[in-house]
Amino acid sequence: MFTGLVTATGTIMAAEAQAGDARLVIEAPDLPRSEFRVGDSIAVNGVCLTAIAVQQTRFEADVSTETLAVTTLGGLAAGDAVNLEPALAVGDRLGGHFVSGHVDCVGTVAAIGTAARSLAISIELPDEFARYAAKKGSICVDGVSLTINAVSGNSFSVNIIPHTADATIIGSYAVGTRVNIEVDLLARYVERLLAADSDGLSIEFLRAHGYA
């Protein structure tokens, strides 16, 4: 489990194909060695991976065929920057929102503008995932917990403050950049409850009680 608060950025040193899977070697000098060890989970651009080797300033992680197919990790190459977050420890502050590290889909940056000192970024979602985006709801983009400012069709917009742009890879986005998206866990559970209990629970009931 993660929070969507990026701890550091790292650099891909190698992305090695291995019998259909891949192994990433990531240099992360700003990520304290004490933060994780072999076998621990770490989010790389929002994707939960397991550290299989840890050196002083770098770690290695295997990426499965399924993960390569449904995330942007298969497109990483040496020199690319990535967002990093070690798994949440019991007692840690939860400053973002609950993030599982299980990417739902890949979105595409559709527009980038400015809003005072911040960036205003619009991201397109595949049609089947657009329903999970809600104004003022949470969403995770490349491992970064963000609040949705507005929704239009299958796109949503977010405001990126200067600190977030500087401390994550979001500051390097361009129109057309593909990004990993994890929708809010609560949206998934609400959808499941509505489908499973159509008689006792409805969208009208949720609205009446402040949940939608």
Foldseek 3Di string as FASTA:
>chain_A
DFQQDFQAKWFWAAWADDPLKTKTKIFAQSPQPVLDAAQFWKAKQLATFGFHHDDHGITMTIGHNVRCVFFCVVVDGGGDMITMDTHDDPPDDRPAHDGDNDFDHKWFWADWDDDVQKIKTKIFDPQVCQVLQDQQFWKHKRSHIFGWHDGDRRMTITIGHPVNLVRGVVVVDDGGDMITIDGDPVSVVLVVVCVVCVPPDDPVVCVVVVND
